[in-house]
Amino acid sequence: MIYKGCNGTVMLSSESEVVKNNPAYKKLENFLIPLSAKYGLGEILFREKNPRNNNSTDAFYIRSPKEWSLAKEFQVGDLIVEESQAFIEKEDIESEIGLCCVIVSSRY
């Protein structure tokens, strides 16, 4: 476990039981790994939804380099989200993904 807080537990996506047990999340994780490398990003983390917090959702976090500006994070983040959404639609797993999101951030 990397971090546990009011918005859920954050860990490497490969260690998450939620990802391991959800075929759609596993497909998305496998798509995000080479996508992360393509854009020079780091490891993929997963934050599990906290059932006691209605504002919490499952989320994949892709680490960006610390030296990147916020503008660069947003620029690459938009590309990652666009490609991820196209993949989700192509694989027809949108209903299984639900409210899970993909975020590029140096925060974690």
N, C-alpha and C. Protein backbone atom coordinates (compact mmCIF):
# COMPACT_ATOMS: atom_id res chain seq x y z
N MET A 1 0.86 -1.19 0.00
CA MET A 1 0.00 0.00 0.00
C MET A 1 0.90 1.24 0.00
N ILE A 2 0.55 2.20 -0.81
CA ILE A 2 1.34 3.42 -0.89
C ILE A 2 0.74 4.53 -0.02
N TYR A 3 -0.55 4.72 -0.12
CA TYR A 3 -1.20 5.83 0.59
C TYR A 3 -2.63 5.46 0.91
N LYS A 4 -3.06 5.77 2.09
CA LYS A 4 -4.45 5.53 2.47
C LYS A 4 -5.03 6.80 3.07
N GLY A 5 -6.11 7.28 2.51
CA GLY A 5 -6.72 8.52 2.99
C GLY A 5 -8.22 8.48 2.83
N CYS A 6 -8.85 9.64 3.01
CA CYS A 6 -10.31 9.70 2.98
C CYS A 6 -10.87 9.43 1.59
N ASN A 7 -10.06 9.58 0.55
CA ASN A 7 -10.55 9.33 -0.80
C ASN A 7 -10.23 7.93 -1.30
N GLY A 8 -9.70 7.07 -0.45
CA GLY A 8 -9.43 5.70 -0.85
C GLY A 8 -7.96 5.35 -0.74
N THR A 9 -7.65 4.10 -1.04
CA THR A 9 -6.30 3.58 -0.94
C THR A 9 -5.62 3.64 -2.29
N VAL A 10 -4.39 4.13 -2.32
CA VAL A 10 -3.62 4.23 -3.55
C VAL A 10 -2.48 3.22 -3.49
N MET A 11 -2.34 2.45 -4.57
CA MET A 11 -1.27 1.44 -4.65
C MET A 11 -0.88 1.25 -6.11
N LEU A 12 0.17 0.49 -6.34
CA LEU A 12 0.50 0.13 -7.71
C LEU A 12 -0.68 -0.62 -8.29
N SER A 13 -1.04 -0.32 -9.52
CA SER A 13 -2.21 -0.97 -10.10
C SER A 13 -2.05 -2.48 -10.16
N SER A 14 -0.83 -2.94 -10.34
CA SER A 14 -0.58 -4.39 -10.41
C SER A 14 -0.81 -5.09 -9.08
N GLU A 15 -0.85 -4.33 -7.98
CA GLU A 15 -1.08 -4.90 -6.65
C GLU A 15 -2.54 -4.82 -6.21
N SER A 16 -3.35 -4.12 -6.96
CA SER A 16 -4.74 -3.89 -6.57
C SER A 16 -5.62 -5.11 -6.85
N GLU A 17 -6.31 -5.57 -5.83
CA GLU A 17 -7.26 -6.68 -6.00
C GLU A 17 -8.44 -6.25 -6.85
N VAL A 18 -8.80 -4.98 -6.78
CA VAL A 18 -9.91 -4.47 -7.59
C VAL A 18 -9.56 -4.60 -9.08
N VAL A 19 -8.35 -4.22 -9.44
CA VAL A 19 -7.92 -4.32 -10.84
C VAL A 19 -7.80 -5.79 -11.25
N LYS A 20 -7.21 -6.59 -10.40
CA LYS A 20 -7.03 -8.02 -10.71
C LYS A 20 -8.36 -8.73 -10.93
N ASN A 21 -9.39 -8.33 -10.19
CA ASN A 21 -10.67 -9.02 -10.23
C ASN A 21 -11.69 -8.40 -11.18
N ASN A 22 -11.32 -7.34 -11.86
CA ASN A 22 -12.22 -6.69 -12.81
C ASN A 22 -11.59 -6.75 -14.20
N PRO A 23 -12.11 -7.61 -15.09
CA PRO A 23 -11.50 -7.77 -16.42
C PRO A 23 -11.40 -6.46 -17.21
N ALA A 24 -12.37 -5.58 -17.07
CA ALA A 24 -12.33 -4.30 -17.79
C ALA A 24 -11.20 -3.42 -17.27
N TYR A 25 -11.04 -3.35 -15.96
CA TYR A 25 -9.94 -2.58 -15.37
C TYR A 25 -8.60 -3.17 -15.78
N LYS A 26 -8.51 -4.49 -15.80
CA LYS A 26 -7.27 -5.17 -16.19
C LYS A 26 -6.93 -4.84 -17.64
N LYS A 27 -7.93 -4.84 -18.52
CA LYS A 27 -7.71 -4.46 -19.92
C LYS A 27 -7.20 -3.03 -20.02
N LEU A 28 -7.83 -2.14 -19.26
CA LEU A 28 -7.43 -0.73 -19.29
C LEU A 28 -6.01 -0.59 -18.74
N GLU A 29 -5.70 -1.27 -17.66
CA GLU A 29 -4.34 -1.22 -17.10
C GLU A 29 -3.32 -1.67 -18.15
N ASN A 30 -3.59 -2.78 -18.82
CA ASN A 30 -2.68 -3.29 -19.84
C ASN A 30 -2.53 -2.33 -21.01
N PHE A 31 -3.55 -1.54 -21.29
CA PHE A 31 -3.47 -0.51 -22.32
C PHE A 31 -2.64 0.67 -21.83
N LEU A 32 -2.79 1.04 -20.56
CA LEU A 32 -2.11 2.21 -20.02
C LEU A 32 -0.60 2.02 -19.87
N ILE A 33 -0.15 0.80 -19.66
CA ILE A 33 1.28 0.56 -19.44
C ILE A 33 2.11 1.03 -20.65
N PRO A 34 1.85 0.55 -21.87
CA PRO A 34 2.64 1.06 -23.00
C PRO A 34 2.33 2.53 -23.33
N LEU A 35 1.11 2.96 -23.05
CA LEU A 35 0.75 4.36 -23.28
C LEU A 35 1.59 5.28 -22.38
N SER A 36 1.79 4.87 -21.15
CA SER A 36 2.62 5.61 -20.22
C SER A 36 4.05 5.73 -20.76
N ALA A 37 4.59 4.64 -21.24
CA ALA A 37 5.95 4.64 -21.80
C ALA A 37 6.02 5.53 -23.04
N LYS A 38 4.99 5.49 -23.86
CA LYS A 38 4.94 6.28 -25.10
C LYS A 38 5.13 7.77 -24.81
N TYR A 39 4.53 8.25 -23.71
CA TYR A 39 4.59 9.67 -23.38
C TYR A 39 5.65 10.01 -22.33
N GLY A 40 6.50 9.05 -21.99
CA GLY A 40 7.57 9.31 -21.03
C GLY A 40 7.09 9.45 -19.61
N LEU A 41 6.00 8.77 -19.29
CA LEU A 41 5.44 8.83 -17.94
C LEU A 41 5.95 7.67 -17.11
N GLY A 42 5.59 7.65 -15.85
CA GLY A 42 6.07 6.63 -14.94
C GLY A 42 5.05 5.55 -14.66
N GLU A 43 5.13 5.04 -13.44
CA GLU A 43 4.31 3.89 -13.05
C GLU A 43 2.82 4.22 -12.97
N ILE A 44 2.03 3.18 -13.03
CA ILE A 44 0.58 3.30 -12.98
C ILE A 44 0.11 2.93 -11.58
N LEU A 45 -0.61 3.82 -10.97
CA LEU A 45 -1.17 3.59 -9.64
C LEU A 45 -2.68 3.45 -9.76
N PHE A 46 -3.29 2.89 -8.75
CA PHE A 46 -4.74 2.75 -8.73
C PHE A 46 -5.26 3.20 -7.37
N ARG A 47 -6.27 4.05 -7.38
CA ARG A 47 -6.92 4.48 -6.15
C ARG A 47 -8.30 3.85 -6.11
N GLU A 48 -8.50 3.04 -5.09
CA GLU A 48 -9.80 2.39 -4.93
C GLU A 48 -10.81 3.37 -4.35
N LYS A 49 -12.03 3.24 -4.82
CA LYS A 49 -13.11 4.05 -4.29
C LYS A 49 -13.28 3.77 -2.80
N ASN A 50 -13.47 4.84 -2.05
CA ASN A 50 -13.74 4.71 -0.63
C ASN A 50 -15.26 4.63 -0.47
N PRO A 51 -15.78 3.50 -0.02
CA PRO A 51 -17.24 3.35 0.07
C PRO A 51 -17.89 4.31 1.06
N ARG A 52 -17.11 4.91 1.94
CA ARG A 52 -17.67 5.86 2.92
C ARG A 52 -17.63 7.30 2.42
N ASN A 53 -17.14 7.51 1.19
CA ASN A 53 -17.04 8.86 0.64
C ASN A 53 -17.75 8.88 -0.70
N ASN A 54 -18.90 9.53 -0.77
CA ASN A 54 -19.70 9.56 -2.00
C ASN A 54 -19.01 10.27 -3.15
N ASN A 55 -18.01 11.11 -2.85
CA ASN A 55 -17.29 11.83 -3.90
C ASN A 55 -16.09 11.04 -4.43
N SER A 56 -15.86 9.87 -3.92
CA SER A 56 -14.71 9.06 -4.30
C SER A 56 -15.07 8.13 -5.45
N THR A 57 -14.14 7.99 -6.41
CA THR A 57 -14.33 7.03 -7.51
C THR A 57 -13.03 6.27 -7.71
N ASP A 58 -13.11 5.10 -8.33
CA ASP A 58 -11.91 4.38 -8.72
C ASP A 58 -11.15 5.23 -9.74
N ALA A 59 -9.82 5.21 -9.66
CA ALA A 59 -9.03 6.02 -10.59
C ALA A 59 -7.66 5.41 -10.82
N PHE A 60 -7.23 5.45 -12.07
CA PHE A 60 -5.85 5.12 -12.41
C PHE A 60 -5.07 6.43 -12.43
N TYR A 61 -3.94 6.45 -11.75
CA TYR A 61 -3.04 7.60 -11.76
C TYR A 61 -1.77 7.19 -12.48
N ILE A 62 -1.33 7.99 -13.42
CA ILE A 62 -0.07 7.75 -14.10
C ILE A 62 0.88 8.86 -13.66
N ARG A 63 2.01 8.44 -13.11
CA ARG A 63 2.96 9.43 -12.60
C ARG A 63 3.66 10.16 -13.74
N SER A 64 3.66 11.47 -13.62
CA SER A 64 4.40 12.30 -14.56
C SER A 64 5.72 12.69 -13.88
N PRO A 65 6.73 13.05 -14.68
CA PRO A 65 7.99 13.49 -14.08
C PRO A 65 7.77 14.73 -13.21
N LYS A 66 8.47 14.79 -12.09
CA LYS A 66 8.32 15.92 -11.15
C LYS A 66 8.65 17.25 -11.80
N GLU A 67 9.58 17.24 -12.77
CA GLU A 67 10.02 18.49 -13.37
C GLU A 67 9.05 19.05 -14.41
N TRP A 68 8.01 18.29 -14.74
CA TRP A 68 7.03 18.78 -15.71
C TRP A 68 6.22 19.92 -15.12
N SER A 69 5.89 20.87 -15.97
CA SER A 69 5.01 21.96 -15.56
C SER A 69 3.57 21.44 -15.52
N LEU A 70 2.73 22.19 -14.86
CA LEU A 70 1.32 21.83 -14.79
C LEU A 70 0.70 21.83 -16.20
N ALA A 71 1.13 22.79 -17.02
CA ALA A 71 0.62 22.86 -18.39
C ALA A 71 0.99 21.61 -19.18
N LYS A 72 2.21 21.12 -19.00
CA LYS A 72 2.66 19.90 -19.69
C LYS A 72 1.85 18.69 -19.19
N GLU A 73 1.62 18.62 -17.87
CA GLU A 73 0.79 17.53 -17.31
C GLU A 73 -0.60 17.53 -17.94
N PHE A 74 -1.21 18.71 -18.04
CA PHE A 74 -2.55 18.80 -18.62
C PHE A 74 -2.53 18.43 -20.10
N GLN A 75 -1.51 18.89 -20.84
CA GLN A 75 -1.41 18.59 -22.26
C GLN A 75 -1.32 17.09 -22.49
N VAL A 76 -0.40 16.43 -21.80
CA VAL A 76 -0.23 14.98 -21.96
C VAL A 76 -1.43 14.24 -21.37
N GLY A 77 -1.94 14.74 -20.26
CA GLY A 77 -3.12 14.13 -19.63
C GLY A 77 -4.31 14.10 -20.57
N ASP A 78 -4.52 15.18 -21.32
CA ASP A 78 -5.62 15.22 -22.29
C ASP A 78 -5.44 14.15 -23.37
N LEU A 79 -4.20 13.98 -23.83
CA LEU A 79 -3.92 12.96 -24.85
C LEU A 79 -4.17 11.55 -24.30
N ILE A 80 -3.74 11.32 -23.07
CA ILE A 80 -3.93 10.02 -22.42
C ILE A 80 -5.42 9.72 -22.28
N VAL A 81 -6.18 10.70 -21.83
CA VAL A 81 -7.62 10.52 -21.65
C VAL A 81 -8.30 10.24 -22.99
N GLU A 82 -7.94 10.99 -24.03
CA GLU A 82 -8.53 10.77 -25.36
C GLU A 82 -8.24 9.36 -25.86
N GLU A 83 -6.98 8.94 -25.75
CA GLU A 83 -6.62 7.60 -26.23
C GLU A 83 -7.27 6.51 -25.39
N SER A 84 -7.37 6.75 -24.09
CA SER A 84 -8.02 5.78 -23.20
C SER A 84 -9.50 5.65 -23.51
N GLN A 85 -10.16 6.77 -23.74
CA GLN A 85 -11.58 6.74 -24.06
C GLN A 85 -11.82 6.02 -25.38
N ALA A 86 -10.96 6.26 -26.36
CA ALA A 86 -11.09 5.56 -27.65
C ALA A 86 -10.90 4.05 -27.45
N PHE A 87 -9.95 3.67 -26.61
CA PHE A 87 -9.72 2.25 -26.33
C PHE A 87 -10.94 1.63 -25.63
N ILE A 88 -11.48 2.32 -24.65
CA ILE A 88 -12.65 1.82 -23.90
C ILE A 88 -13.83 1.62 -24.85
N GLU A 89 -14.05 2.57 -25.74
CA GLU A 89 -15.15 2.45 -26.70
C GLU A 89 -14.90 1.32 -27.69
N LYS A 90 -13.65 1.21 -28.18
CA LYS A 90 -13.31 0.15 -29.14
C LYS A 90 -13.48 -1.23 -28.52
N GLU A 91 -13.10 -1.37 -27.26
CA GLU A 91 -13.20 -2.66 -26.57
C GLU A 91 -14.61 -2.91 -26.03
N ASP A 92 -15.47 -1.90 -26.12
CA ASP A 92 -16.85 -1.99 -25.64
C ASP A 92 -16.91 -2.40 -24.16
N ILE A 93 -16.11 -1.72 -23.35
CA ILE A 93 -16.08 -2.00 -21.91
C ILE A 93 -16.54 -0.79 -21.08
N GLU A 94 -17.17 0.15 -21.75
CA GLU A 94 -17.59 1.38 -21.08
C GLU A 94 -18.53 1.10 -19.90
N SER A 95 -19.45 0.16 -20.06
CA SER A 95 -20.39 -0.12 -18.97
C SER A 95 -19.70 -0.75 -17.77
N GLU A 96 -18.63 -1.53 -18.00
CA GLU A 96 -17.91 -2.14 -16.88
C GLU A 96 -16.96 -1.16 -16.21
N ILE A 97 -16.48 -0.17 -16.97
CA ILE A 97 -15.56 0.82 -16.40
C ILE A 97 -16.31 1.77 -15.48
N GLY A 98 -17.52 2.14 -15.85
CA GLY A 98 -18.32 3.02 -15.00
C GLY A 98 -17.68 4.37 -14.79
N LEU A 99 -17.53 4.76 -13.52
CA LEU A 99 -17.01 6.08 -13.19
C LEU A 99 -15.51 6.10 -12.95
N CYS A 100 -14.81 5.06 -13.30
CA CYS A 100 -13.36 5.02 -13.15
C CYS A 100 -12.73 6.09 -14.06
N CYS A 101 -11.72 6.77 -13.56
CA CYS A 101 -11.08 7.79 -14.38
C CYS A 101 -9.57 7.55 -14.49
N VAL A 102 -8.96 8.23 -15.44
CA VAL A 102 -7.52 8.16 -15.68
C VAL A 102 -6.95 9.56 -15.50
N ILE A 103 -5.91 9.67 -14.67
CA ILE A 103 -5.35 10.97 -14.31
C ILE A 103 -3.84 10.91 -14.47
N VAL A 104 -3.26 11.96 -15.03
CA VAL A 104 -1.81 12.11 -15.08
C VAL A 104 -1.43 13.14 -14.04
N SER A 105 -0.53 12.76 -13.13
CA SER A 105 -0.18 13.66 -12.03
C SER A 105 1.18 13.29 -11.44
N SER A 106 1.90 14.28 -10.96
CA SER A 106 3.15 14.02 -10.24
C SER A 106 2.88 13.98 -8.73
N ARG A 107 1.64 14.14 -8.36
CA ARG A 107 1.28 14.21 -6.94
C ARG A 107 1.54 12.92 -6.19
N TYR A 108 1.32 11.78 -6.81
CA TYR A 108 1.49 10.50 -6.13
C TYR A 108 2.80 9.88 -6.47
